[in-house]
N, C-alpha and C. Protein backbone atom coordinates (compact mmCIF):
# COMPACT_ATOMS: atom_id res chain seq x y z
N UNK A 1 -14.04 -30.67 -13.69
CA UNK A 1 -14.06 -29.87 -12.29
C UNK A 1 -15.43 -29.40 -12.60
N UNK A 2 -16.15 -29.22 -11.58
CA UNK A 2 -17.48 -28.58 -11.67
C UNK A 2 -17.38 -27.16 -11.02
N UNK A 3 -17.91 -26.35 -11.64
CA UNK A 3 -18.16 -24.81 -11.53
C UNK A 3 -19.39 -24.62 -10.95
N UNK A 4 -19.34 -23.89 -10.02
CA UNK A 4 -20.44 -23.59 -9.05
C UNK A 4 -20.89 -22.31 -9.54
N UNK A 5 -22.40 -22.22 -9.35
CA UNK A 5 -23.03 -20.89 -9.40
C UNK A 5 -22.49 -19.75 -8.43
N UNK A 6 -22.74 -18.55 -8.55
CA UNK A 6 -22.13 -17.82 -7.37
C UNK A 6 -23.11 -18.07 -6.29
N UNK A 7 -22.72 -17.74 -5.13
CA UNK A 7 -23.36 -18.15 -3.81
C UNK A 7 -24.24 -17.19 -3.51
N UNK A 8 -25.44 -17.44 -3.14
CA UNK A 8 -26.30 -16.57 -2.76
C UNK A 8 -26.38 -16.48 -1.18
N UNK A 9 -25.91 -15.65 -0.53
CA UNK A 9 -25.77 -15.57 0.77
C UNK A 9 -26.47 -14.23 1.34
N UNK A 10 -27.04 -14.13 2.63
CA UNK A 10 -27.31 -13.07 3.24
C UNK A 10 -26.32 -11.76 3.11
N UNK A 11 -26.81 -10.43 2.90
CA UNK A 11 -25.58 -9.52 3.23
C UNK A 11 -25.03 -9.35 4.14
N UNK A 12 -23.49 -9.39 3.53
CA UNK A 12 -22.58 -9.20 5.03
C UNK A 12 -22.21 -10.65 5.47
N UNK A 13 -22.66 -11.69 4.90
CA UNK A 13 -22.00 -13.11 5.12
C UNK A 13 -20.96 -13.52 4.12
N UNK A 14 -19.80 -14.05 4.43
CA UNK A 14 -18.93 -14.26 3.59
C UNK A 14 -18.98 -15.93 3.85
N UNK A 15 -18.79 -16.42 2.61
CA UNK A 15 -18.45 -17.73 2.48
C UNK A 15 -17.07 -18.61 3.15
N UNK A 16 -17.49 -19.39 4.10
CA UNK A 16 -16.06 -19.92 4.35
C UNK A 16 -15.27 -20.70 3.46
N UNK A 17 -13.84 -20.17 3.28
CA UNK A 17 -13.01 -20.50 2.26
C UNK A 17 -12.85 -22.14 2.64
N UNK A 18 -12.56 -22.62 1.34
CA UNK A 18 -12.48 -24.35 1.61
C UNK A 18 -11.10 -24.60 1.90
N UNK A 19 -9.90 -23.76 1.83
CA UNK A 19 -8.75 -23.64 2.49
C UNK A 19 -8.34 -23.27 3.48
N UNK A 20 -7.43 -23.84 3.89
CA UNK A 20 -6.82 -23.09 5.43
C UNK A 20 -6.86 -21.77 5.25
N UNK A 21 -7.31 -20.63 6.07
CA UNK A 21 -7.23 -19.27 6.19
C UNK A 21 -5.87 -18.81 6.16
N UNK A 22 -4.82 -19.62 6.99
CA UNK A 22 -3.37 -19.18 6.59
C UNK A 22 -2.66 -19.28 5.49
N UNK A 23 -3.18 -20.66 4.86
CA UNK A 23 -2.71 -21.06 3.57
C UNK A 23 -3.28 -20.00 2.33
N UNK A 24 -4.38 -19.56 2.34
CA UNK A 24 -4.76 -18.54 1.55
C UNK A 24 -4.16 -17.18 1.88
N UNK A 25 -4.05 -16.82 3.12
CA UNK A 25 -3.08 -15.34 3.40
C UNK A 25 -1.94 -15.63 2.62
N UNK A 26 -1.18 -16.41 2.79
CA UNK A 26 0.29 -16.91 2.35
C UNK A 26 0.02 -16.60 0.88
N UNK A 27 -1.10 -17.40 0.09
CA UNK A 27 -1.14 -17.33 -1.29
C UNK A 27 -1.38 -15.95 -1.72
N UNK A 28 -1.88 -14.89 -1.14
CA UNK A 28 -2.12 -13.90 -1.52
C UNK A 28 -1.08 -13.09 -1.46
N UNK A 29 -0.32 -13.02 -0.34
CA UNK A 29 0.97 -12.64 -0.20
C UNK A 29 2.15 -12.75 -1.08
N UNK A 30 2.27 -14.23 -1.56
CA UNK A 30 3.45 -14.83 -2.02
C UNK A 30 2.81 -14.87 -3.43
N UNK A 31 1.95 -15.14 -3.87
CA UNK A 31 1.60 -15.72 -5.53
C UNK A 31 0.95 -14.45 -5.69
N UNK A 32 -0.04 -13.64 -5.43
CA UNK A 32 -0.34 -12.09 -5.92
C UNK A 32 0.47 -11.26 -5.73
N UNK A 33 1.26 -11.29 -4.58
CA UNK A 33 2.38 -10.14 -4.28
C UNK A 33 3.72 -10.38 -5.40
N UNK A 34 3.90 -11.45 -5.91
CA UNK A 34 4.91 -11.61 -6.93
C UNK A 34 4.66 -10.82 -8.00
N UNK A 35 3.56 -10.50 -8.42
CA UNK A 35 3.43 -9.43 -9.57
C UNK A 35 2.71 -8.20 -8.79
N UNK A 36 1.94 -8.24 -7.66
CA UNK A 36 1.34 -6.79 -7.28
C UNK A 36 2.04 -6.37 -6.25
N UNK A 37 3.48 -6.99 -5.89
CA UNK A 37 4.33 -6.34 -4.72
C UNK A 37 3.88 -6.89 -3.70
N UNK A 38 4.69 -7.51 -2.62
CA UNK A 38 4.61 -8.20 -1.55
C UNK A 38 3.56 -7.25 -0.60
N UNK A 39 3.75 -6.16 -0.78
CA UNK A 39 2.91 -5.33 0.16
C UNK A 39 1.48 -4.55 -0.52
N UNK A 40 1.47 -5.68 -1.65
CA UNK A 40 0.03 -5.43 -2.69
C UNK A 40 0.23 -3.76 -3.19
N UNK A 41 1.20 -3.14 -3.15
CA UNK A 41 1.25 -1.89 -3.40
C UNK A 41 1.68 -1.62 -4.92
N UNK A 42 1.70 -2.75 -5.67
CA UNK A 42 2.03 -2.65 -7.06
C UNK A 42 3.14 -3.11 -7.43
N UNK A 43 3.31 -3.59 -8.85
CA UNK A 43 4.55 -3.85 -9.30
C UNK A 43 4.14 -4.10 -10.84
N UNK A 44 4.41 -5.35 -11.32
CA UNK A 44 3.89 -5.68 -12.63
C UNK A 44 2.64 -5.45 -12.50
N UNK A 45 2.06 -5.79 -11.78
CA UNK A 45 0.15 -5.73 -11.72
C UNK A 45 0.03 -4.59 -11.00
N UNK A 46 -1.26 -4.12 -10.98
CA UNK A 46 -1.59 -2.61 -10.34
C UNK A 46 -1.70 -3.04 -8.68
N UNK A 47 -1.81 -1.85 -7.95
CA UNK A 47 -1.78 -2.10 -6.67
C UNK A 47 -3.30 -3.05 -6.36
N UNK A 48 -3.26 -3.69 -5.38
CA UNK A 48 -4.38 -4.06 -4.78
C UNK A 48 -4.79 -4.08 -3.46
N UNK A 49 -4.66 -2.81 -3.06
CA UNK A 49 -5.06 -2.06 -1.85
C UNK A 49 -6.39 -1.47 -1.82
N UNK A 50 -7.43 -1.49 -0.66
CA UNK A 50 -8.60 -1.05 -0.53
C UNK A 50 -8.74 0.57 -1.50
N UNK A 51 -7.84 1.47 -1.30
CA UNK A 51 -8.07 2.53 -1.96
C UNK A 51 -7.88 2.38 -3.52
N UNK A 52 -7.26 1.33 -3.96
CA UNK A 52 -6.95 1.34 -5.36
C UNK A 52 -8.27 0.28 -6.01
N UNK A 53 -8.92 -0.13 -5.01
CA UNK A 53 -10.15 -0.98 -5.56
C UNK A 53 -11.59 -0.55 -4.92
N UNK A 54 -11.48 0.41 -4.70
CA UNK A 54 -12.74 1.13 -4.16
C UNK A 54 -13.84 1.38 -5.41
N UNK A 55 -13.39 1.25 -6.65
CA UNK A 55 -14.33 1.63 -7.83
C UNK A 55 -14.83 0.11 -8.09
N UNK A 56 -14.26 -1.13 -7.63
CA UNK A 56 -14.85 -2.55 -8.09
C UNK A 56 -15.40 -3.00 -6.98
N UNK A 57 -16.61 -3.48 -7.13
CA UNK A 57 -17.36 -4.41 -6.11
C UNK A 57 -16.64 -5.50 -6.04
N UNK A 58 -17.04 -6.29 -4.90
CA UNK A 58 -16.28 -7.75 -4.51
C UNK A 58 -16.51 -8.75 -5.57
N UNK A 59 -17.90 -8.49 -6.52
CA UNK A 59 -18.09 -9.42 -7.38
C UNK A 59 -16.87 -9.44 -8.74
N UNK A 60 -16.81 -8.19 -8.78
CA UNK A 60 -15.72 -7.74 -10.20
C UNK A 60 -14.32 -8.23 -9.68
N UNK A 61 -14.02 -7.98 -8.64
CA UNK A 61 -12.62 -8.60 -8.16
C UNK A 61 -12.53 -10.12 -8.12
N UNK A 62 -13.59 -10.55 -7.83
CA UNK A 62 -13.86 -12.17 -7.83
C UNK A 62 -13.65 -12.68 -9.29
N UNK A 63 -14.40 -11.91 -10.01
CA UNK A 63 -14.24 -12.53 -11.51
C UNK A 63 -12.88 -12.31 -12.14
N UNK A 64 -12.43 -11.10 -11.70
CA UNK A 64 -10.74 -11.14 -12.45
C UNK A 64 -9.91 -12.10 -11.95
N UNK A 65 -10.15 -12.61 -10.52
CA UNK A 65 -9.42 -13.36 -9.88
C UNK A 65 -9.72 -14.97 -10.62
N UNK A 66 -10.80 -14.99 -10.74
CA UNK A 66 -11.40 -16.43 -11.35
C UNK A 66 -11.37 -16.42 -12.63
N UNK A 67 -11.30 -15.49 -13.48
CA UNK A 67 -11.05 -15.50 -14.92
C UNK A 67 -9.93 -15.08 -15.45
N UNK A 68 -8.94 -13.97 -14.80
CA UNK A 68 -7.89 -13.67 -15.32
C UNK A 68 -8.15 -12.42 -16.15
N UNK A 69 -7.37 -11.84 -16.62
CA UNK A 69 -7.42 -10.64 -17.52
C UNK A 69 -6.82 -11.12 -19.07
N UNK A 70 -7.48 -11.48 -20.38
CA UNK A 70 -6.86 -11.69 -21.32
C UNK A 70 -5.89 -10.58 -21.74
N UNK A 71 -5.24 -11.20 -22.47
CA UNK A 71 -3.84 -10.01 -22.94
C UNK A 71 -3.12 -9.46 -21.98
N UNK A 72 -3.18 -9.87 -20.79
CA UNK A 72 -2.27 -9.49 -19.75
C UNK A 72 -1.60 -10.55 -19.03
N UNK A 73 -0.74 -10.15 -17.86
CA UNK A 73 0.00 -11.16 -17.20
C UNK A 73 -1.17 -12.00 -15.89
N UNK A 74 -1.98 -11.19 -15.76
CA UNK A 74 -3.18 -11.79 -14.84
C UNK A 74 -3.91 -13.17 -15.35
N UNK A 75 -3.64 -14.26 -14.78
CA UNK A 75 -3.90 -15.47 -15.09
C UNK A 75 -5.22 -15.88 -14.52
N UNK A 76 -6.27 -16.70 -15.01
CA UNK A 76 -7.15 -17.20 -14.03
C UNK A 76 -6.70 -18.10 -13.20
N UNK A 77 -7.27 -18.10 -11.97
CA UNK A 77 -7.18 -18.95 -10.81
C UNK A 77 -8.16 -19.95 -10.51
N UNK A 78 -8.97 -19.85 -11.49
CA UNK A 78 -9.99 -21.02 -11.21
C UNK A 78 -9.83 -22.37 -10.97
N UNK A 79 -8.62 -22.70 -11.86
CA UNK A 79 -8.17 -24.20 -11.88
C UNK A 79 -7.48 -24.38 -10.47
N UNK A 80 -7.20 -23.78 -9.85
CA UNK A 80 -6.59 -23.77 -8.35
C UNK A 80 -7.04 -23.51 -7.07
N UNK A 81 -8.15 -22.52 -7.21
CA UNK A 81 -9.27 -22.01 -6.25
C UNK A 81 -10.66 -22.20 -6.22
N UNK A 82 -11.13 -22.66 -4.98
CA UNK A 82 -12.12 -22.85 -5.24
C UNK A 82 -13.31 -21.54 -5.49
N UNK A 83 -14.44 -21.52 -5.62
CA UNK A 83 -15.26 -20.42 -5.73
C UNK A 83 -15.33 -19.78 -4.35
N UNK A 84 -15.22 -20.50 -3.27
CA UNK A 84 -15.45 -19.90 -1.86
C UNK A 84 -13.90 -19.13 -1.69
N UNK A 85 -13.00 -19.64 -1.96
CA UNK A 85 -11.67 -19.27 -1.77
C UNK A 85 -11.44 -18.05 -2.41
N UNK A 86 -12.13 -17.91 -3.57
CA UNK A 86 -11.93 -16.76 -4.57
C UNK A 86 -12.62 -15.42 -3.95
N UNK A 87 -13.84 -15.85 -3.28
CA UNK A 87 -14.92 -14.86 -2.42
C UNK A 87 -14.17 -14.37 -1.44
N UNK A 88 -13.54 -15.42 -0.72
CA UNK A 88 -12.70 -14.80 0.62
C UNK A 88 -11.76 -13.92 0.10
N UNK A 89 -10.86 -14.29 -1.06
CA UNK A 89 -9.67 -13.46 -1.30
C UNK A 89 -10.24 -12.09 -1.50
N UNK A 90 -11.39 -12.19 -2.46
CA UNK A 90 -12.04 -10.66 -3.06
C UNK A 90 -12.27 -10.06 -1.94
N UNK A 91 -12.92 -10.52 -0.75
CA UNK A 91 -13.42 -9.87 0.18
C UNK A 91 -12.32 -9.20 1.26
N UNK A 92 -11.29 -10.01 1.40
CA UNK A 92 -10.07 -9.53 2.13
C UNK A 92 -9.39 -8.40 1.32
N UNK A 93 -9.15 -8.52 0.13
CA UNK A 93 -8.48 -7.49 -0.65
C UNK A 93 -9.60 -6.05 -0.64
N UNK A 94 -10.79 -6.25 -0.86
CA UNK A 94 -11.55 -5.11 -0.85
C UNK A 94 -11.44 -4.46 0.45
N UNK A 95 -11.55 -5.24 1.60
CA UNK A 95 -11.36 -4.44 2.92
C UNK A 95 -10.23 -4.08 3.53
N UNK A 96 -9.16 -4.59 2.79
CA UNK A 96 -7.95 -4.52 3.21
C UNK A 96 -7.15 -5.19 4.61
N UNK A 97 -8.00 -6.33 4.63
CA UNK A 97 -7.58 -7.24 5.83
C UNK A 97 -6.26 -7.93 5.59
N UNK A 98 -5.76 -7.86 4.59
CA UNK A 98 -4.56 -8.84 4.37
C UNK A 98 -3.30 -7.80 3.98
N UNK A 99 -3.60 -6.52 4.23
CA UNK A 99 -2.39 -5.29 4.18
C UNK A 99 -1.97 -5.03 5.28
N UNK A 100 -0.84 -4.54 5.48
CA UNK A 100 -0.22 -3.80 6.42
C UNK A 100 -0.27 -2.23 6.13
N UNK A 101 -0.64 -1.50 7.15
CA UNK A 101 -0.55 -0.19 7.02
C UNK A 101 0.49 0.86 6.46
């Protein structure tokens, strides 16, 4: 597996995910939701709603998704997700685009 360096894009530009958007949305709700709650309000893992992530930049969220958190139940997802997928998910979590009110 070849790891890519972080993408350098103009401000406000989000890389296109490599996976189908519906597939990634389902991944977040089902896979992330299995620990973080289906509404991402928390469970085994902390809540992943914008108000809970406001202190983290998107790059930090991406790093957590990519590398996991050692000593916790948060696994590294880099073996299963492309860098663009991880950036897309990070943006969606930060902006709240995948959560219902």
